[in-house]
All heavy atoms as atom14 arrays in JSON, in Angstrom:
{
  "sequence": "YAILFFTPDLSFAAYALNARLGAIVYNMVHSYISAILLAGASWLLGID",
  "atom14_mask": [
    [1, 1, 1, 1, 1, 1, 1, 1, 1, 1, 1, 1, 0, 0],
    [1, 1, 1, 1, 1, 0, 0, 0, 0, 0, 0, 0, 0, 0],
    [1, 1, 1, 1, 1, 1, 1, 1, 0, 0, 0, 0, 0, 0],
    [1, 1, 1, 1, 1, 1, 1, 1, 0, 0, 0, 0, 0, 0],
    [1, 1, 1, 1, 1, 1, 1, 1, 1, 1, 1, 0, 0, 0],
    [1, 1, 1, 1, 1, 1, 1, 1, 1, 1, 1, 0, 0, 0],
    [1, 1, 1, 1, 1, 1, 1, 0, 0, 0, 0, 0, 0, 0],
    [1, 1, 1, 1, 1, 1, 1, 0, 0, 0, 0, 0, 0, 0],
    [1, 1, 1, 1, 1, 1, 1, 1, 0, 0, 0, 0, 0, 0],
    [1, 1, 1, 1, 1, 1, 1, 1, 0, 0, 0, 0, 0, 0],
    [1, 1, 1, 1, 1, 1, 0, 0, 0, 0, 0, 0, 0, 0],
    [1, 1, 1, 1, 1, 1, 1, 1, 1, 1, 1, 0, 0, 0],
    [1, 1, 1, 1, 1, 0, 0, 0, 0, 0, 0, 0, 0, 0],
    [1, 1, 1, 1, 1, 0, 0, 0, 0, 0, 0, 0, 0, 0],
    [1, 1, 1, 1, 1, 1, 1, 1, 1, 1, 1, 1, 0, 0],
    [1, 1, 1, 1, 1, 0, 0, 0, 0, 0, 0, 0, 0, 0],
    [1, 1, 1, 1, 1, 1, 1, 1, 0, 0, 0, 0, 0, 0],
    [1, 1, 1, 1, 1, 1, 1, 1, 0, 0, 0, 0, 0, 0],
    [1, 1, 1, 1, 1, 0, 0, 0, 0, 0, 0, 0, 0, 0],
    [1, 1, 1, 1, 1, 1, 1, 1, 1, 1, 1, 0, 0, 0],
    [1, 1, 1, 1, 1, 1, 1, 1, 0, 0, 0, 0, 0, 0],
    [1, 1, 1, 1, 0, 0, 0, 0, 0, 0, 0, 0, 0, 0],
    [1, 1, 1, 1, 1, 0, 0, 0, 0, 0, 0, 0, 0, 0],
    [1, 1, 1, 1, 1, 1, 1, 1, 0, 0, 0, 0, 0, 0],
    [1, 1, 1, 1, 1, 1, 1, 0, 0, 0, 0, 0, 0, 0],
    [1, 1, 1, 1, 1, 1, 1, 1, 1, 1, 1, 1, 0, 0],
    [1, 1, 1, 1, 1, 1, 1, 1, 0, 0, 0, 0, 0, 0],
    [1, 1, 1, 1, 1, 1, 1, 1, 0, 0, 0, 0, 0, 0],
    [1, 1, 1, 1, 1, 1, 1, 0, 0, 0, 0, 0, 0, 0],
    [1, 1, 1, 1, 1, 1, 1, 1, 1, 1, 0, 0, 0, 0],
    [1, 1, 1, 1, 1, 1, 0, 0, 0, 0, 0, 0, 0, 0],
    [1, 1, 1, 1, 1, 1, 1, 1, 1, 1, 1, 1, 0, 0],
    [1, 1, 1, 1, 1, 1, 1, 1, 0, 0, 0, 0, 0, 0],
    [1, 1, 1, 1, 1, 1, 0, 0, 0, 0, 0, 0, 0, 0],
    [1, 1, 1, 1, 1, 0, 0, 0, 0, 0, 0, 0, 0, 0],
    [1, 1, 1, 1, 1, 1, 1, 1, 0, 0, 0, 0, 0, 0],
    [1, 1, 1, 1, 1, 1, 1, 1, 0, 0, 0, 0, 0, 0],
    [1, 1, 1, 1, 1, 1, 1, 1, 0, 0, 0, 0, 0, 0],
    [1, 1, 1, 1, 1, 0, 0, 0, 0, 0, 0, 0, 0, 0],
    [1, 1, 1, 1, 0, 0, 0, 0, 0, 0, 0, 0, 0, 0],
    [1, 1, 1, 1, 1, 0, 0, 0, 0, 0, 0, 0, 0, 0],
    [1, 1, 1, 1, 1, 1, 0, 0, 0, 0, 0, 0, 0, 0],
    [1, 1, 1, 1, 1, 1, 1, 1, 1, 1, 1, 1, 1, 1],
    [1, 1, 1, 1, 1, 1, 1, 1, 0, 0, 0, 0, 0, 0],
    [1, 1, 1, 1, 1, 1, 1, 1, 0, 0, 0, 0, 0, 0],
    [1, 1, 1, 1, 0, 0, 0, 0, 0, 0, 0, 0, 0, 0],
    [1, 1, 1, 1, 1, 1, 1, 1, 0, 0, 0, 0, 0, 0],
    [1, 1, 1, 1, 1, 1, 1, 1, 0, 0, 0, 0, 0, 0]
  ],
  "atom14_positions": [
    [[129.4, 97.36, 76.63], [127.99, 96.99, 76.31], [127.87, 95.49, 76.13], [126.95, 94.81, 76.67], [127.59, 97.72, 75.03], [126.1, 97.54, 74.62], [125.16, 98.41, 75.08], [125.73, 96.46, 73.79], [123.86, 98.2, 74.7], [124.46, 96.28, 73.42], [123.49, 97.17, 73.9], [122.17, 96.98, 73.53], [0.0, 0.0, 0.0], [0.0, 0.0, 0.0]],
    [[128.79, 94.92, 75.37], [128.75, 93.51, 75.09], [128.91, 92.63, 76.42], [128.22, 91.63, 76.52], [129.85, 93.07, 74.08], [0.0, 0.0, 0.0], [0.0, 0.0, 0.0], [0.0, 0.0, 0.0], [0.0, 0.0, 0.0], [0.0, 0.0, 0.0], [0.0, 0.0, 0.0], [0.0, 0.0, 0.0], [0.0, 0.0, 0.0], [0.0, 0.0, 0.0]],
    [[129.77, 93.12, 77.23], [130.03, 92.28, 78.42], [128.81, 92.44, 79.33], [128.42, 91.43, 79.98], [131.21, 92.82, 79.14], [132.48, 92.44, 78.27], [131.37, 92.35, 80.58], [133.78, 93.11, 78.79], [0.0, 0.0, 0.0], [0.0, 0.0, 0.0], [0.0, 0.0, 0.0], [0.0, 0.0, 0.0], [0.0, 0.0, 0.0], [0.0, 0.0, 0.0]],
    [[128.23, 93.57, 79.56], [127.09, 93.81, 80.48], [125.74, 93.52, 79.97], [124.83, 93.3, 80.71], [127.08, 95.27, 81.01], [128.21, 95.59, 81.93], [128.0, 97.07, 82.5], [128.32, 94.64, 83.09], [0.0, 0.0, 0.0], [0.0, 0.0, 0.0], [0.0, 0.0, 0.0], [0.0, 0.0, 0.0], [0.0, 0.0, 0.0], [0.0, 0.0, 0.0]],
    [[125.57, 93.35, 78.67], [124.26, 93.27, 78.09], [123.47, 91.99, 78.69], [122.25, 92.14, 78.98], [124.28, 93.16, 76.58], [122.9, 93.13, 75.98], [122.23, 94.28, 75.83], [122.28, 91.92, 75.58], [120.94, 94.39, 75.26], [121.02, 91.96, 74.93], [120.34, 93.15, 74.79], [0.0, 0.0, 0.0], [0.0, 0.0, 0.0], [0.0, 0.0, 0.0]],
    [[124.08, 90.88, 78.81], [123.4, 89.61, 79.3], [123.59, 89.49, 80.83], [123.03, 88.59, 81.4], [123.78, 88.45, 78.62], [123.21, 88.41, 77.21], [124.03, 88.64, 76.07], [121.89, 88.19, 76.91], [123.51, 88.6, 74.79], [121.32, 88.2, 75.68], [122.15, 88.44, 74.58], [0.0, 0.0, 0.0], [0.0, 0.0, 0.0], [0.0, 0.0, 0.0]],
    [[124.31, 90.32, 81.52], [124.52, 90.21, 82.93], [123.28, 90.2, 83.69], [123.21, 89.49, 84.73], [125.52, 91.37, 83.43], [126.77, 91.23, 82.74], [125.76, 91.22, 84.9], [0.0, 0.0, 0.0], [0.0, 0.0, 0.0], [0.0, 0.0, 0.0], [0.0, 0.0, 0.0], [0.0, 0.0, 0.0], [0.0, 0.0, 0.0], [0.0, 0.0, 0.0]],
    [[122.25, 90.99, 83.37], [120.98, 90.93, 84.19], [120.36, 89.48, 84.29], [119.67, 89.24, 85.23], [120.05, 91.89, 83.51], [120.95, 92.87, 82.79], [122.15, 92.04, 82.4], [0.0, 0.0, 0.0], [0.0, 0.0, 0.0], [0.0, 0.0, 0.0], [0.0, 0.0, 0.0], [0.0, 0.0, 0.0], [0.0, 0.0, 0.0], [0.0, 0.0, 0.0]],
    [[120.73, 88.68, 83.3], [120.09, 87.31, 83.36], [120.75, 86.45, 84.45], [120.15, 85.39, 84.76], [120.26, 86.63, 82.0], [119.29, 87.12, 80.93], [118.23, 87.67, 81.32], [119.58, 87.05, 79.76], [0.0, 0.0, 0.0], [0.0, 0.0, 0.0], [0.0, 0.0, 0.0], [0.0, 0.0, 0.0], [0.0, 0.0, 0.0], [0.0, 0.0, 0.0]],
    [[121.88, 86.89, 85.01], [122.34, 86.16, 86.24], [121.41, 86.18, 87.36], [121.54, 85.4, 88.28], [123.75, 86.71, 86.59], [124.77, 86.58, 85.54], [126.06, 87.25, 85.95], [125.08, 85.1, 85.22], [0.0, 0.0, 0.0], [0.0, 0.0, 0.0], [0.0, 0.0, 0.0], [0.0, 0.0, 0.0], [0.0, 0.0, 0.0], [0.0, 0.0, 0.0]],
    [[120.43, 87.09, 87.36], [119.54, 87.27, 88.47], [118.64, 85.99, 88.56], [118.05, 85.79, 89.65], [118.57, 88.51, 88.24], [117.82, 88.37, 87.02], [0.0, 0.0, 0.0], [0.0, 0.0, 0.0], [0.0, 0.0, 0.0], [0.0, 0.0, 0.0], [0.0, 0.0, 0.0], [0.0, 0.0, 0.0], [0.0, 0.0, 0.0], [0.0, 0.0, 0.0]],
    [[118.58, 85.16, 87.49], [117.7, 83.99, 87.64], [118.32, 83.03, 88.67], [117.63, 82.12, 89.08], [117.61, 83.3, 86.26], [118.75, 82.44, 85.85], [118.76, 81.12, 86.19], [119.81, 83.01, 85.12], [119.9, 80.41, 85.82], [120.89, 82.24, 84.71], [120.91, 80.88, 85.08], [0.0, 0.0, 0.0], [0.0, 0.0, 0.0], [0.0, 0.0, 0.0]],
    [[119.54, 83.17, 89.01], [120.21, 82.27, 89.97], [119.46, 82.37, 91.33], [119.53, 81.35, 92.06], [121.65, 82.7, 90.2], [0.0, 0.0, 0.0], [0.0, 0.0, 0.0], [0.0, 0.0, 0.0], [0.0, 0.0, 0.0], [0.0, 0.0, 0.0], [0.0, 0.0, 0.0], [0.0, 0.0, 0.0], [0.0, 0.0, 0.0], [0.0, 0.0, 0.0]],
    [[118.79, 83.37, 91.64], [117.94, 83.51, 92.85], [116.86, 82.41, 92.89], [116.39, 82.09, 93.98], [117.35, 84.89, 93.04], [0.0, 0.0, 0.0], [0.0, 0.0, 0.0], [0.0, 0.0, 0.0], [0.0, 0.0, 0.0], [0.0, 0.0, 0.0], [0.0, 0.0, 0.0], [0.0, 0.0, 0.0], [0.0, 0.0, 0.0], [0.0, 0.0, 0.0]],
    [[116.51, 81.9, 91.77], [115.55, 80.79, 91.72], [116.05, 79.55, 92.36], [115.3, 78.69, 92.86], [115.14, 80.48, 90.31], [113.97, 81.41, 89.75], [114.28, 82.57, 89.14], [112.69, 81.0, 89.97], [113.28, 83.38, 88.7], [111.65, 81.83, 89.47], [111.94, 83.04, 88.85], [110.95, 83.89, 88.43], [0.0, 0.0, 0.0], [0.0, 0.0, 0.0]],
    [[117.41, 79.41, 92.59], [117.92, 78.33, 93.24], [117.52, 78.25, 94.72], [117.39, 77.17, 95.35], [119.46, 78.35, 93.24], [0.0, 0.0, 0.0], [0.0, 0.0, 0.0], [0.0, 0.0, 0.0], [0.0, 0.0, 0.0], [0.0, 0.0, 0.0], [0.0, 0.0, 0.0], [0.0, 0.0, 0.0], [0.0, 0.0, 0.0], [0.0, 0.0, 0.0]],
    [[117.19, 79.43, 95.28], [116.65, 79.52, 96.67], [115.22, 79.19, 96.8], [114.82, 78.35, 97.61], [117.03, 80.91, 97.24], [118.57, 81.17, 97.28], [118.74, 82.62, 97.73], [119.29, 80.2, 98.2], [0.0, 0.0, 0.0], [0.0, 0.0, 0.0], [0.0, 0.0, 0.0], [0.0, 0.0, 0.0], [0.0, 0.0, 0.0], [0.0, 0.0, 0.0]],
    [[114.43, 79.88, 95.92], [112.97, 79.49, 95.84], [112.43, 80.39, 94.81], [113.0, 81.41, 94.39], [112.24, 79.6, 97.18], [112.09, 81.02, 97.69], [111.62, 81.92, 97.07], [112.53, 81.31, 98.97], [0.0, 0.0, 0.0], [0.0, 0.0, 0.0], [0.0, 0.0, 0.0], [0.0, 0.0, 0.0], [0.0, 0.0, 0.0], [0.0, 0.0, 0.0]],
    [[111.25, 79.97, 94.29], [110.57, 80.67, 93.15], [110.14, 82.07, 93.45], [110.28, 83.02, 92.61], [109.45, 79.82, 92.61], [0.0, 0.0, 0.0], [0.0, 0.0, 0.0], [0.0, 0.0, 0.0], [0.0, 0.0, 0.0], [0.0, 0.0, 0.0], [0.0, 0.0, 0.0], [0.0, 0.0, 0.0], [0.0, 0.0, 0.0], [0.0, 0.0, 0.0]],
    [[109.67, 82.28, 94.69], [109.15, 83.6, 95.04], [110.41, 84.59, 95.05], [110.24, 85.68, 94.51], [108.53, 83.57, 96.41], [107.96, 84.95, 96.86], [107.07, 84.76, 98.1], [106.42, 85.96, 98.38], [107.02, 86.97, 99.13], [108.18, 86.87, 99.56], [106.25, 88.05, 99.39], [0.0, 0.0, 0.0], [0.0, 0.0, 0.0], [0.0, 0.0, 0.0]],
    [[111.47, 84.25, 95.73], [112.59, 85.11, 95.81], [113.13, 85.38, 94.35], [113.6, 86.39, 93.98], [113.7, 84.58, 96.71], [114.94, 85.47, 96.81], [114.65, 86.83, 97.37], [115.99, 84.65, 97.63], [0.0, 0.0, 0.0], [0.0, 0.0, 0.0], [0.0, 0.0, 0.0], [0.0, 0.0, 0.0], [0.0, 0.0, 0.0], [0.0, 0.0, 0.0]],
    [[113.24, 84.22, 93.61], [113.72, 84.31, 92.27], [112.93, 85.31, 91.37], [113.53, 86.08, 90.67], [0.0, 0.0, 0.0], [0.0, 0.0, 0.0], [0.0, 0.0, 0.0], [0.0, 0.0, 0.0], [0.0, 0.0, 0.0], [0.0, 0.0, 0.0], [0.0, 0.0, 0.0], [0.0, 0.0, 0.0], [0.0, 0.0, 0.0], [0.0, 0.0, 0.0]],
    [[111.63, 85.2, 91.56], [110.74, 86.16, 90.79], [110.98, 87.65, 91.19], [111.1, 88.49, 90.37], [109.29, 85.82, 90.89], [0.0, 0.0, 0.0], [0.0, 0.0, 0.0], [0.0, 0.0, 0.0], [0.0, 0.0, 0.0], [0.0, 0.0, 0.0], [0.0, 0.0, 0.0], [0.0, 0.0, 0.0], [0.0, 0.0, 0.0], [0.0, 0.0, 0.0]],
    [[111.08, 87.87, 92.49], [111.34, 89.24, 92.95], [112.7, 89.78, 92.44], [112.74, 90.92, 91.95], [111.34, 89.25, 94.46], [109.94, 89.02, 95.11], [111.95, 90.57, 95.14], [109.92, 88.67, 96.57], [0.0, 0.0, 0.0], [0.0, 0.0, 0.0], [0.0, 0.0, 0.0], [0.0, 0.0, 0.0], [0.0, 0.0, 0.0], [0.0, 0.0, 0.0]],
    [[113.73, 88.98, 92.61], [115.09, 89.47, 92.19], [115.09, 89.7, 90.6], [115.53, 90.72, 90.1], [116.15, 88.56, 92.58], [117.49, 88.88, 91.97], [116.29, 88.51, 94.15], [0.0, 0.0, 0.0], [0.0, 0.0, 0.0], [0.0, 0.0, 0.0], [0.0, 0.0, 0.0], [0.0, 0.0, 0.0], [0.0, 0.0, 0.0], [0.0, 0.0, 0.0]],
    [[114.58, 88.7, 89.94], [114.54, 88.77, 88.45], [113.78, 90.02, 87.97], [114.15, 90.77, 87.17], [113.88, 87.49, 87.82], [113.94, 87.49, 86.36], [114.94, 86.88, 85.71], [112.89, 88.11, 85.62], [114.98, 86.82, 84.31], [112.92, 88.09, 84.3], [113.97, 87.48, 83.58], [114.03, 87.37, 82.17], [0.0, 0.0, 0.0], [0.0, 0.0, 0.0]],
    [[112.58, 90.23, 88.62], [111.7, 91.41, 88.23], [112.4, 92.69, 88.54], [112.25, 93.67, 87.82], [110.38, 91.28, 88.88], [109.56, 90.1, 88.26], [109.88, 89.62, 87.13], [108.51, 89.73, 88.98], [0.0, 0.0, 0.0], [0.0, 0.0, 0.0], [0.0, 0.0, 0.0], [0.0, 0.0, 0.0], [0.0, 0.0, 0.0], [0.0, 0.0, 0.0]],
    [[113.1, 92.72, 89.75], [113.73, 94.02, 90.03], [114.81, 94.42, 89.04], [114.87, 95.49, 88.62], [114.42, 93.84, 91.42], [113.47, 94.0, 92.58], [114.24, 93.75, 94.23], [115.81, 94.42, 94.06], [0.0, 0.0, 0.0], [0.0, 0.0, 0.0], [0.0, 0.0, 0.0], [0.0, 0.0, 0.0], [0.0, 0.0, 0.0], [0.0, 0.0, 0.0]],
    [[115.51, 93.4, 88.56], [116.59, 93.69, 87.53], [116.0, 93.92, 86.17], [116.62, 94.66, 85.45], [117.59, 92.47, 87.59], [118.67, 92.62, 86.5], [118.28, 92.32, 88.92], [0.0, 0.0, 0.0], [0.0, 0.0, 0.0], [0.0, 0.0, 0.0], [0.0, 0.0, 0.0], [0.0, 0.0, 0.0], [0.0, 0.0, 0.0], [0.0, 0.0, 0.0]],
    [[114.95, 93.27, 85.83], [114.41, 93.33, 84.57], [113.22, 94.42, 84.45], [112.57, 94.42, 83.32], [113.85, 91.97, 84.05], [114.99, 91.08, 83.68], [115.68, 90.43, 84.67], [115.52, 90.73, 82.51], [116.7, 89.67, 84.03], [116.59, 89.86, 82.78], [0.0, 0.0, 0.0], [0.0, 0.0, 0.0], [0.0, 0.0, 0.0], [0.0, 0.0, 0.0]],
    [[113.02, 95.23, 85.35], [112.06, 96.2, 85.34], [112.63, 97.56, 84.71], [113.79, 97.84, 85.06], [111.52, 96.49, 86.76], [110.68, 97.66, 86.73], [0.0, 0.0, 0.0], [0.0, 0.0, 0.0], [0.0, 0.0, 0.0], [0.0, 0.0, 0.0], [0.0, 0.0, 0.0], [0.0, 0.0, 0.0], [0.0, 0.0, 0.0], [0.0, 0.0, 0.0]],
    [[111.84, 98.18, 83.95], [112.27, 99.46, 83.44], [112.51, 100.51, 84.57], [113.29, 101.43, 84.51], [111.31, 100.11, 82.47], [111.14, 99.27, 81.18], [109.98, 98.85, 80.75], [112.29, 98.82, 80.36], [109.77, 98.12, 79.51], [112.18, 98.11, 79.3], [110.86, 97.76, 78.87], [110.76, 97.0, 77.65], [0.0, 0.0, 0.0], [0.0, 0.0, 0.0]],
    [[111.76, 100.2, 85.66], [111.89, 101.13, 86.81], [113.28, 101.17, 87.39], [113.8, 102.2, 87.67], [110.89, 100.8, 87.94], [109.45, 100.96, 87.4], [111.14, 101.51, 89.2], [108.46, 100.34, 88.28], [0.0, 0.0, 0.0], [0.0, 0.0, 0.0], [0.0, 0.0, 0.0], [0.0, 0.0, 0.0], [0.0, 0.0, 0.0], [0.0, 0.0, 0.0]],
    [[113.95, 100.01, 87.42], [115.36, 99.97, 87.89], [116.25, 100.76, 87.03], [117.13, 101.46, 87.49], [115.77, 98.51, 87.92], [115.07, 97.77, 88.83], [0.0, 0.0, 0.0], [0.0, 0.0, 0.0], [0.0, 0.0, 0.0], [0.0, 0.0, 0.0], [0.0, 0.0, 0.0], [0.0, 0.0, 0.0], [0.0, 0.0, 0.0], [0.0, 0.0, 0.0]],
    [[116.08, 100.67, 85.71], [116.91, 101.45, 84.75], [116.69, 102.95, 84.98], [117.61, 103.74, 84.91], [116.64, 101.01, 83.39], [0.0, 0.0, 0.0], [0.0, 0.0, 0.0], [0.0, 0.0, 0.0], [0.0, 0.0, 0.0], [0.0, 0.0, 0.0], [0.0, 0.0, 0.0], [0.0, 0.0, 0.0], [0.0, 0.0, 0.0], [0.0, 0.0, 0.0]],
    [[115.41, 103.28, 85.19], [115.12, 104.77, 85.32], [115.68, 105.23, 86.75], [116.27, 106.3, 86.75], [113.57, 104.93, 85.37], [113.05, 104.74, 83.89], [113.18, 106.32, 85.85], [111.62, 104.61, 83.74], [0.0, 0.0, 0.0], [0.0, 0.0, 0.0], [0.0, 0.0, 0.0], [0.0, 0.0, 0.0], [0.0, 0.0, 0.0], [0.0, 0.0, 0.0]],
    [[115.61, 104.47, 87.76], [116.23, 104.83, 89.05], [117.69, 105.0, 88.91], [118.27, 105.89, 89.47], [115.85, 103.88, 90.14], [114.29, 103.85, 90.54], [114.05, 102.73, 91.54], [113.96, 105.18, 91.2], [0.0, 0.0, 0.0], [0.0, 0.0, 0.0], [0.0, 0.0, 0.0], [0.0, 0.0, 0.0], [0.0, 0.0, 0.0], [0.0, 0.0, 0.0]],
    [[118.36, 104.07, 88.21], [119.76, 104.08, 87.99], [120.13, 105.35, 87.17], [121.16, 106.05, 87.53], [120.29, 102.85, 87.31], [121.81, 102.51, 87.48], [122.21, 102.5, 88.94], [122.0, 101.2, 86.77], [0.0, 0.0, 0.0], [0.0, 0.0, 0.0], [0.0, 0.0, 0.0], [0.0, 0.0, 0.0], [0.0, 0.0, 0.0], [0.0, 0.0, 0.0]],
    [[119.37, 105.66, 86.19], [119.67, 106.85, 85.44], [119.46, 108.07, 86.27], [120.25, 109.07, 86.15], [118.64, 106.85, 84.21], [0.0, 0.0, 0.0], [0.0, 0.0, 0.0], [0.0, 0.0, 0.0], [0.0, 0.0, 0.0], [0.0, 0.0, 0.0], [0.0, 0.0, 0.0], [0.0, 0.0, 0.0], [0.0, 0.0, 0.0], [0.0, 0.0, 0.0]],
    [[118.48, 108.14, 87.07], [118.24, 109.24, 87.99], [119.41, 109.49, 88.96], [119.93, 110.57, 89.22], [0.0, 0.0, 0.0], [0.0, 0.0, 0.0], [0.0, 0.0, 0.0], [0.0, 0.0, 0.0], [0.0, 0.0, 0.0], [0.0, 0.0, 0.0], [0.0, 0.0, 0.0], [0.0, 0.0, 0.0], [0.0, 0.0, 0.0], [0.0, 0.0, 0.0]],
    [[119.98, 108.3, 89.5], [121.02, 108.39, 90.41], [122.3, 108.89, 89.58], [123.08, 109.64, 90.23], [121.32, 107.02, 90.95], [0.0, 0.0, 0.0], [0.0, 0.0, 0.0], [0.0, 0.0, 0.0], [0.0, 0.0, 0.0], [0.0, 0.0, 0.0], [0.0, 0.0, 0.0], [0.0, 0.0, 0.0], [0.0, 0.0, 0.0], [0.0, 0.0, 0.0]],
    [[122.43, 108.44, 88.4], [123.58, 108.97, 87.56], [123.5, 110.49, 87.38], [124.47, 111.25, 87.58], [123.52, 108.33, 86.19], [124.4, 109.01, 85.29], [0.0, 0.0, 0.0], [0.0, 0.0, 0.0], [0.0, 0.0, 0.0], [0.0, 0.0, 0.0], [0.0, 0.0, 0.0], [0.0, 0.0, 0.0], [0.0, 0.0, 0.0], [0.0, 0.0, 0.0]],
    [[122.22, 110.95, 87.19], [122.09, 112.37, 86.95], [122.46, 113.15, 88.26], [123.12, 114.15, 88.32], [120.63, 112.67, 86.42], [120.39, 114.1, 86.28], [120.86, 114.93, 85.25], [119.57, 114.86, 87.03], [120.42, 116.26, 85.37], [119.55, 116.26, 86.55], [118.88, 114.68, 88.19], [118.88, 117.25, 87.08], [118.11, 115.7, 88.77], [118.13, 117.01, 88.22]],
    [[121.72, 112.71, 89.4], [121.99, 113.3, 90.66], [123.44, 113.38, 91.16], [123.9, 114.3, 91.72], [121.14, 112.74, 91.72], [119.7, 112.93, 91.65], [118.87, 112.09, 92.65], [119.23, 114.41, 91.88], [0.0, 0.0, 0.0], [0.0, 0.0, 0.0], [0.0, 0.0, 0.0], [0.0, 0.0, 0.0], [0.0, 0.0, 0.0], [0.0, 0.0, 0.0]],
    [[124.14, 112.21, 90.93], [125.53, 112.05, 91.34], [126.54, 112.5, 90.37], [127.74, 112.51, 90.72], [125.7, 110.6, 91.79], [124.81, 110.05, 92.9], [125.02, 108.59, 93.09], [125.07, 110.85, 94.18], [0.0, 0.0, 0.0], [0.0, 0.0, 0.0], [0.0, 0.0, 0.0], [0.0, 0.0, 0.0], [0.0, 0.0, 0.0], [0.0, 0.0, 0.0]],
    [[126.13, 112.66, 89.13], [127.05, 113.09, 88.11], [128.03, 111.98, 87.72], [129.18, 112.24, 87.36], [0.0, 0.0, 0.0], [0.0, 0.0, 0.0], [0.0, 0.0, 0.0], [0.0, 0.0, 0.0], [0.0, 0.0, 0.0], [0.0, 0.0, 0.0], [0.0, 0.0, 0.0], [0.0, 0.0, 0.0], [0.0, 0.0, 0.0], [0.0, 0.0, 0.0]],
    [[127.57, 110.76, 87.75], [128.41, 109.61, 87.37], [127.94, 109.0, 86.1], [126.94, 108.33, 85.99], [128.37, 108.5, 88.52], [128.78, 109.13, 89.89], [129.21, 107.38, 88.22], [128.56, 108.14, 91.02], [0.0, 0.0, 0.0], [0.0, 0.0, 0.0], [0.0, 0.0, 0.0], [0.0, 0.0, 0.0], [0.0, 0.0, 0.0], [0.0, 0.0, 0.0]],
    [[128.76, 109.28, 85.01], [128.4, 108.89, 83.7], [128.35, 107.34, 83.54], [127.53, 106.84, 82.78], [129.48, 109.45, 82.68], [129.33, 110.91, 82.47], [128.24, 111.5, 82.84], [130.27, 111.58, 82.04], [0.0, 0.0, 0.0], [0.0, 0.0, 0.0], [0.0, 0.0, 0.0], [0.0, 0.0, 0.0], [0.0, 0.0, 0.0], [0.0, 0.0, 0.0]]
  ]
}
């Protein structure tokens, strides 16, 4: 938990390419939808 908690903030590095791509990548990682999709994949695949 401690190691991964701030890992999503690395997505801001996409801003080095341009602001539009940076916003897209950052929002994908920081959206609750991503967490829900990942949880659904966990349930479907049985990967804790």
